[in-house]
Amino acid sequence: NFILAFILMFSGSFSHTLTTTGDIMFTATLPLKGEGTSVNISVSTDTLSFGNIALGQSLSKALTVYNTGTGNMLISSITIGDDMWTADVTTLTVAEGDSGTLNITFTPDISGNSQTTMTLASNDPDTPILSVSLAGSGVSNISGEVSGTWSAASSPYYIIENSNVPSGQTLTIEPGVEVIFSGDYWLTVYGTL
């Protein structure tokens, strides 16, 4: 038994062959390959802002990840602190001098401002963990026929086209709800408000 270790002395690709000779006419060879790397991670922005997104809708934005060092950069994990955001991949390999793209999607499930952090864990010796801030707002967009209850938890409600409460229907607006008309629209009540 023996232990073979590869110790980084400088960057570049290495290839050697280990040959052993036994006592009774036995010779074995083992090809060895390795790469010394000194990757350098950077990103196109340290903050991705998604703006106002209607509840139940999604918006994707691209984040470019650069490797300005030597050797292949391995992003071994991509984690996001809030499940309203998702990344299209969980790992990424970026060649020396190249870039890769992560697509981040925001799908708000609550109204209001939300912020979280995405972390990229890589083999960059100087920045093994790189953080990117993510921000966006979930909004309630209203159009067409409406009824039910508008809650303060889902406020503000944006009227994005002419809307109405139909005859025989009721719309309850809880105290503290903010209603914003996003243009020259109206809310007509044929039922009960």
C-alpha atoms as a PDB file:
ATOM      1  CA  ASN A   1       0.000   0.000   0.000  1.00  0.00           C
ATOM      2  CA  PHE A   2       1.106   3.522  -0.682  1.00  0.00           C
ATOM      3  CA  ILE A   3      -0.388   7.023  -0.732  1.00  0.00           C
ATOM      4  CA  LEU A   4       0.211   9.291  -3.671  1.00  0.00           C
ATOM      5  CA  ALA A   5      -0.387  13.038  -3.182  1.00  0.00           C
ATOM      6  CA  PHE A   6      -0.455  15.862  -5.714  1.00  0.00           C
ATOM      7  CA  ILE A   7       0.831  19.085  -4.172  1.00  0.00           C
ATOM      8  CA  LEU A   8       0.235  22.340  -6.035  1.00  0.00           C
ATOM      9  CA  MET A   9       3.493  24.151  -6.714  1.00  0.00           C
ATOM     10  CA  PHE A  10       2.415  26.195  -9.744  1.00  0.00           C
ATOM     11  CA  SER A  11      -0.445  26.232 -12.224  1.00  0.00           C
ATOM     12  CA  GLY A  12      -0.667  24.119 -15.347  1.00  0.00           C
ATOM     13  CA  SER A  13      -1.425  20.579 -16.475  1.00  0.00           C
ATOM     14  CA  PHE A  14       0.830  17.724 -15.428  1.00  0.00           C
ATOM     15  CA  SER A  15       1.135  14.186 -16.767  1.00  0.00           C
ATOM     16  CA  HIS A  16       3.538  11.486 -15.555  1.00  0.00           C
ATOM     17  CA  THR A  17       3.709   7.721 -15.329  1.00  0.00           C
ATOM     18  CA  LEU A  18       4.469   5.829 -12.122  1.00  0.00           C
ATOM     19  CA  THR A  19       6.278   2.547 -12.769  1.00  0.00           C
ATOM     20  CA  THR A  20       6.800  -0.124 -10.135  1.00  0.00           C
ATOM     21  CA  THR A  21       8.888  -3.274 -10.431  1.00  0.00           C
ATOM     22  CA  GLY A  22       8.234  -6.316  -8.245  1.00  0.00           C
ATOM     23  CA  ASP A  23      10.560  -9.093  -7.075  1.00  0.00           C
ATOM     24  CA  ILE A  24       9.134 -11.812  -9.258  1.00  0.00           C
ATOM     25  CA  MET A  25       9.060 -10.350 -12.762  1.00  0.00           C
ATOM     26  CA  PHE A  26       6.173  -8.043 -12.114  1.00  0.00           C
ATOM     27  CA  THR A  27       6.069  -4.492 -13.489  1.00  0.00           C
ATOM     28  CA  ALA A  28       3.089  -2.150 -13.285  1.00  0.00           C
ATOM     29  CA  THR A  29       2.554   1.323 -14.674  1.00  0.00           C
ATOM     30  CA  LEU A  30       0.034   3.895 -13.560  1.00  0.00           C
ATOM     31  CA  PRO A  31      -0.612   7.044 -15.620  1.00  0.00           C
ATOM     32  CA  LEU A  32      -0.936  10.153 -13.431  1.00  0.00           C
ATOM     33  CA  LYS A  33      -2.588  13.391 -14.457  1.00  0.00           C
ATOM     34  CA  GLY A  34      -3.298  16.560 -12.525  1.00  0.00           C
ATOM     35  CA  GLU A  35      -3.865  20.249 -12.888  1.00  0.00           C
ATOM     36  CA  GLY A  36      -2.516  23.030 -10.763  1.00  0.00           C
ATOM     37  CA  THR A  37      -4.986  25.875 -10.781  1.00  0.00           C
ATOM     38  CA  SER A  38      -5.190  29.409  -9.535  1.00  0.00           C
ATOM     39  CA  VAL A  39      -8.692  30.393 -10.612  1.00  0.00           C
ATOM     40  CA  ASN A  40     -10.131  33.847 -10.008  1.00  0.00           C
ATOM     41  CA  ILE A  41     -13.917  34.208  -9.787  1.00  0.00           C
ATOM     42  CA  SER A  42     -15.833  37.384 -10.596  1.00  0.00           C
ATOM     43  CA  VAL A  43     -19.407  38.169 -11.634  1.00  0.00           C
ATOM     44  CA  SER A  44     -21.111  40.693 -13.902  1.00  0.00           C
ATOM     45  CA  THR A  45     -22.859  42.339 -10.924  1.00  0.00           C
ATOM     46  CA  ASP A  46     -22.951  41.852  -7.177  1.00  0.00           C
ATOM     47  CA  THR A  47     -26.703  42.699  -7.047  1.00  0.00           C
ATOM     48  CA  LEU A  48     -29.572  41.414  -9.199  1.00  0.00           C
ATOM     49  CA  SER A  49     -32.734  43.538  -8.891  1.00  0.00           C
ATOM     50  CA  PHE A  50     -35.938  42.044 -10.271  1.00  0.00           C
ATOM     51  CA  GLY A  51     -38.297  44.994  -9.668  1.00  0.00           C
ATOM     52  CA  ASN A  52     -42.056  44.481  -9.249  1.00  0.00           C
ATOM     53  CA  ILE A  53     -43.344  41.051 -10.265  1.00  0.00           C
ATOM     54  CA  ALA A  54     -47.016  40.025 -10.052  1.00  0.00           C
ATOM     55  CA  LEU A  55     -47.755  37.236  -7.602  1.00  0.00           C
ATOM     56  CA  GLY A  56     -47.745  33.922  -9.449  1.00  0.00           C
ATOM     57  CA  GLN A  57     -45.573  35.299 -12.277  1.00  0.00           C
ATOM     58  CA  SER A  58     -41.818  34.858 -12.809  1.00  0.00           C
ATOM     59  CA  LEU A  59     -38.896  36.844 -14.144  1.00  0.00           C
ATOM     60  CA  SER A  60     -35.467  35.423 -15.009  1.00  0.00           C
ATOM     61  CA  LYS A  61     -32.220  37.351 -15.140  1.00  0.00           C
ATOM     62  CA  ALA A  62     -28.786  36.188 -16.259  1.00  0.00           C
ATOM     63  CA  LEU A  63     -25.672  36.449 -14.114  1.00  0.00           C
ATOM     64  CA  THR A  64     -22.343  36.028 -15.910  1.00  0.00           C
ATOM     65  CA  VAL A  65     -19.569  34.295 -13.950  1.00  0.00           C
ATOM     66  CA  TYR A  66     -15.973  34.883 -15.100  1.00  0.00           C
ATOM     67  CA  ASN A  67     -12.784  32.908 -14.535  1.00  0.00           C
ATOM     68  CA  THR A  68      -9.876  35.316 -14.988  1.00  0.00           C
ATOM     69  CA  GLY A  69      -7.342  32.958 -13.407  1.00  0.00           C
ATOM     70  CA  THR A  70      -5.611  29.813 -14.610  1.00  0.00           C
ATOM     71  CA  GLY A  71      -7.105  26.347 -14.825  1.00  0.00           C
ATOM     72  CA  ASN A  72     -10.717  25.223 -14.693  1.00  0.00           C
ATOM     73  CA  MET A  73     -12.923  26.888 -12.109  1.00  0.00           C
ATOM     74  CA  LEU A  74     -15.451  24.610 -10.455  1.00  0.00           C
ATOM     75  CA  ILE A  75     -18.442  26.177  -8.752  1.00  0.00           C
ATOM     76  CA  SER A  76     -19.349  23.222  -6.574  1.00  0.00           C
ATOM     77  CA  SER A  77     -22.529  24.659  -5.074  1.00  0.00           C
ATOM     78  CA  ILE A  78     -24.977  27.464  -5.722  1.00  0.00           C
ATOM     79  CA  THR A  79     -27.262  28.220  -2.791  1.00  0.00           C
ATOM     80  CA  ILE A  80     -29.998  30.812  -2.422  1.00  0.00           C
ATOM     81  CA  GLY A  81     -31.396  31.834   0.958  1.00  0.00           C
ATOM     82  CA  ASP A  82     -35.061  32.093  -0.112  1.00  0.00           C
ATOM     83  CA  ASP A  83     -37.080  29.645  -2.215  1.00  0.00           C
ATOM     84  CA  MET A  84     -38.760  32.474  -4.185  1.00  0.00           C
ATOM     85  CA  TRP A  85     -35.497  32.523  -6.189  1.00  0.00           C
ATOM     86  CA  THR A  86     -34.078  29.567  -8.107  1.00  0.00           C
ATOM     87  CA  ALA A  87     -30.978  28.987 -10.237  1.00  0.00           C
ATOM     88  CA  ASP A  88     -31.112  26.907 -13.418  1.00  0.00           C
ATOM     89  CA  VAL A  89     -28.054  24.869 -12.352  1.00  0.00           C
ATOM     90  CA  THR A  90     -26.542  23.750  -9.041  1.00  0.00           C
ATOM     91  CA  THR A  91     -22.918  23.522 -10.238  1.00  0.00           C
ATOM     92  CA  LEU A  92     -20.913  25.132 -13.021  1.00  0.00           C
ATOM     93  CA  THR A  93     -17.471  24.648 -14.590  1.00  0.00           C
ATOM     94  CA  VAL A  94     -15.809  27.647 -16.257  1.00  0.00           C
ATOM     95  CA  ALA A  95     -12.639  27.180 -18.316  1.00  0.00           C
ATOM     96  CA  GLU A  96      -9.587  29.409 -17.938  1.00  0.00           C
ATOM     97  CA  GLY A  97     -10.286  32.878 -19.376  1.00  0.00           C
ATOM     98  CA  ASP A  98     -13.906  32.006 -20.111  1.00  0.00           C
ATOM     99  CA  SER A  99     -17.320  32.781 -18.641  1.00  0.00           C
ATOM    100  CA  GLY A 100     -20.508  30.924 -17.822  1.00  0.00           C
ATOM    101  CA  THR A 101     -24.089  32.024 -17.289  1.00  0.00           C
ATOM    102  CA  LEU A 102     -26.448  31.369 -14.396  1.00  0.00           C
ATOM    103  CA  ASN A 103     -30.137  32.107 -14.954  1.00  0.00           C
ATOM    104  CA  ILE A 104     -31.829  33.213 -11.749  1.00  0.00           C
ATOM    105  CA  THR A 105     -35.642  33.200 -11.572  1.00  0.00           C
ATOM    106  CA  PHE A 106     -37.758  35.190  -9.094  1.00  0.00           C
ATOM    107  CA  THR A 107     -41.303  33.909  -8.454  1.00  0.00           C
ATOM    108  CA  PRO A 108     -42.805  35.892  -5.558  1.00  0.00           C
ATOM    109  CA  ASP A 109     -45.393  34.182  -3.382  1.00  0.00           C
ATOM    110  CA  ILE A 110     -45.961  37.136  -1.026  1.00  0.00           C
ATOM    111  CA  SER A 111     -46.473  40.836  -1.609  1.00  0.00           C
ATOM    112  CA  GLY A 112     -43.855  43.357  -0.634  1.00  0.00           C
ATOM    113  CA  ASN A 113     -40.102  43.726  -0.860  1.00  0.00           C
ATOM    114  CA  SER A 114     -37.942  40.616  -0.557  1.00  0.00           C
ATOM    115  CA  GLN A 115     -34.178  40.277  -0.388  1.00  0.00           C
ATOM    116  CA  THR A 116     -31.822  37.346  -0.035  1.00  0.00           C
ATOM    117  CA  THR A 117     -28.272  36.260  -0.826  1.00  0.00           C
ATOM    118  CA  MET A 118     -27.029  33.742  -3.371  1.00  0.00           C
ATOM    119  CA  THR A 119     -23.647  32.142  -2.616  1.00  0.00           C
ATOM    120  CA  LEU A 120     -21.295  30.539  -5.108  1.00  0.00           C
ATOM    121  CA  ALA A 121     -18.753  28.111  -3.609  1.00  0.00           C
ATOM    122  CA  SER A 122     -15.748  27.642  -5.911  1.00  0.00           C
ATOM    123  CA  ASN A 123     -12.141  26.485  -5.975  1.00  0.00           C
ATOM    124  CA  ASP A 124     -10.900  30.108  -6.050  1.00  0.00           C
ATOM    125  CA  PRO A 125      -8.242  30.112  -3.300  1.00  0.00           C
ATOM    126  CA  ASP A 126      -8.752  33.822  -2.515  1.00  0.00           C
ATOM    127  CA  THR A 127     -12.580  33.956  -2.725  1.00  0.00           C
ATOM    128  CA  PRO A 128     -13.906  30.463  -2.010  1.00  0.00           C
ATOM    129  CA  ILE A 129     -17.386  31.896  -1.294  1.00  0.00           C
ATOM    130  CA  LEU A 130     -18.739  34.732  -3.459  1.00  0.00           C
ATOM    131  CA  SER A 131     -22.065  36.374  -2.539  1.00  0.00           C
ATOM    132  CA  VAL A 132     -24.595  38.068  -4.815  1.00  0.00           C
ATOM    133  CA  SER A 133     -27.551  40.058  -3.428  1.00  0.00           C
ATOM    134  CA  LEU A 134     -30.994  39.357  -4.882  1.00  0.00           C
ATOM    135  CA  ALA A 135     -33.944  41.772  -4.506  1.00  0.00           C
ATOM    136  CA  GLY A 136     -37.481  41.974  -5.835  1.00  0.00           C
ATOM    137  CA  SER A 137     -41.053  42.830  -4.927  1.00  0.00           C
ATOM    138  CA  GLY A 138     -44.185  40.755  -5.191  1.00  0.00           C
ATOM    139  CA  VAL A 139     -47.254  42.767  -6.215  1.00  0.00           C
ATOM    140  CA  SER A 140     -50.939  41.948  -6.633  1.00  0.00           C
ATOM    141  CA  ASN A 141     -52.076  42.957 -10.136  1.00  0.00           C
ATOM    142  CA  ILE A 142     -55.823  43.353 -10.612  1.00  0.00           C
ATOM    143  CA  SER A 143     -57.773  43.223 -13.882  1.00  0.00           C
ATOM    144  CA  GLY A 144     -61.205  42.114 -15.117  1.00  0.00           C
ATOM    145  CA  GLU A 145     -63.805  40.780 -12.689  1.00  0.00           C
ATOM    146  CA  VAL A 146     -62.811  40.754  -9.009  1.00  0.00           C
ATOM    147  CA  SER A 147     -64.393  39.500  -5.786  1.00  0.00           C
ATOM    148  CA  GLY A 148     -63.331  37.939  -2.522  1.00  0.00           C
ATOM    149  CA  THR A 149     -61.033  39.600   0.003  1.00  0.00           C
ATOM    150  CA  TRP A 150     -58.074  41.878  -0.556  1.00  0.00           C
ATOM    151  CA  SER A 151     -55.836  41.348   2.478  1.00  0.00           C
ATOM    152  CA  ALA A 152     -53.252  43.654   3.974  1.00  0.00           C
ATOM    153  CA  ALA A 153     -50.721  40.807   3.651  1.00  0.00           C
ATOM    154  CA  SER A 154     -51.028  40.921  -0.168  1.00  0.00           C
ATOM    155  CA  SER A 155     -51.076  44.732  -0.405  1.00  0.00           C
ATOM    156  CA  PRO A 156     -50.508  46.810  -2.462  1.00  0.00           C
ATOM    157  CA  TYR A 157     -53.021  45.906  -5.192  1.00  0.00           C
ATOM    158  CA  TYR A 158     -52.299  47.399  -8.618  1.00  0.00           C
ATOM    159  CA  ILE A 159     -55.265  48.064 -10.935  1.00  0.00           C
ATOM    160  CA  ILE A 160     -53.680  47.392 -14.348  1.00  0.00           C
ATOM    161  CA  GLU A 161     -56.842  47.664 -16.490  1.00  0.00           C
ATOM    162  CA  ASN A 162     -60.520  48.497 -16.021  1.00  0.00           C
ATOM    163  CA  SER A 163     -61.965  46.156 -13.401  1.00  0.00           C
ATOM    164  CA  ASN A 164     -65.347  45.453 -11.815  1.00  0.00           C
ATOM    165  CA  VAL A 165     -67.095  43.688  -8.969  1.00  0.00           C
ATOM    166  CA  PRO A 166     -69.879  41.734 -10.780  1.00  0.00           C
ATOM    167  CA  SER A 167     -73.527  41.862  -9.717  1.00  0.00           C
ATOM    168  CA  GLY A 168     -74.193  39.365  -6.932  1.00  0.00           C
ATOM    169  CA  GLN A 169     -70.489  39.293  -5.907  1.00  0.00           C
ATOM    170  CA  THR A 170     -68.750  40.948  -2.931  1.00  0.00           C
ATOM    171  CA  LEU A 171     -65.276  42.472  -2.665  1.00  0.00           C
ATOM    172  CA  THR A 172     -63.989  43.019   0.875  1.00  0.00           C
ATOM    173  CA  ILE A 173     -60.982  45.310   1.280  1.00  0.00           C
ATOM    174  CA  GLU A 174     -59.300  44.875   4.672  1.00  0.00           C
ATOM    175  CA  PRO A 175     -58.053  47.904   6.650  1.00  0.00           C
ATOM    176  CA  GLY A 176     -54.514  48.917   5.670  1.00  0.00           C
ATOM    177  CA  VAL A 177     -54.808  47.716   2.062  1.00  0.00           C
ATOM    178  CA  GLU A 178     -53.305  50.084  -0.504  1.00  0.00           C
ATOM    179  CA  VAL A 179     -54.956  50.219  -3.954  1.00  0.00           C
ATOM    180  CA  ILE A 180     -52.890  51.826  -6.741  1.00  0.00           C
ATOM    181  CA  PHE A 181     -54.275  52.628 -10.184  1.00  0.00           C
ATOM    182  CA  SER A 182     -51.467  52.048 -12.705  1.00  0.00           C
ATOM    183  CA  GLY A 183     -53.006  54.302 -15.336  1.00  0.00           C
ATOM    184  CA  ASP A 184     -56.334  55.910 -16.204  1.00  0.00           C
ATOM    185  CA  TYR A 185     -58.392  52.871 -15.123  1.00  0.00           C
ATOM    186  CA  TRP A 186     -61.435  52.473 -12.907  1.00  0.00           C
ATOM    187  CA  LEU A 187     -62.957  49.945 -10.554  1.00  0.00           C
ATOM    188  CA  THR A 188     -66.726  49.716 -11.073  1.00  0.00           C
ATOM    189  CA  VAL A 189     -68.875  48.054  -8.386  1.00  0.00           C
ATOM    190  CA  TYR A 190     -72.057  46.322  -9.641  1.00  0.00           C
ATOM    191  CA  GLY A 191     -72.134  43.996  -6.631  1.00  0.00           C
ATOM    192  CA  THR A 192     -71.141  44.850  -3.069  1.00  0.00           C
ATOM    193  CA  LEU A 193     -68.044  46.556  -1.739  1.00  0.00           C
END
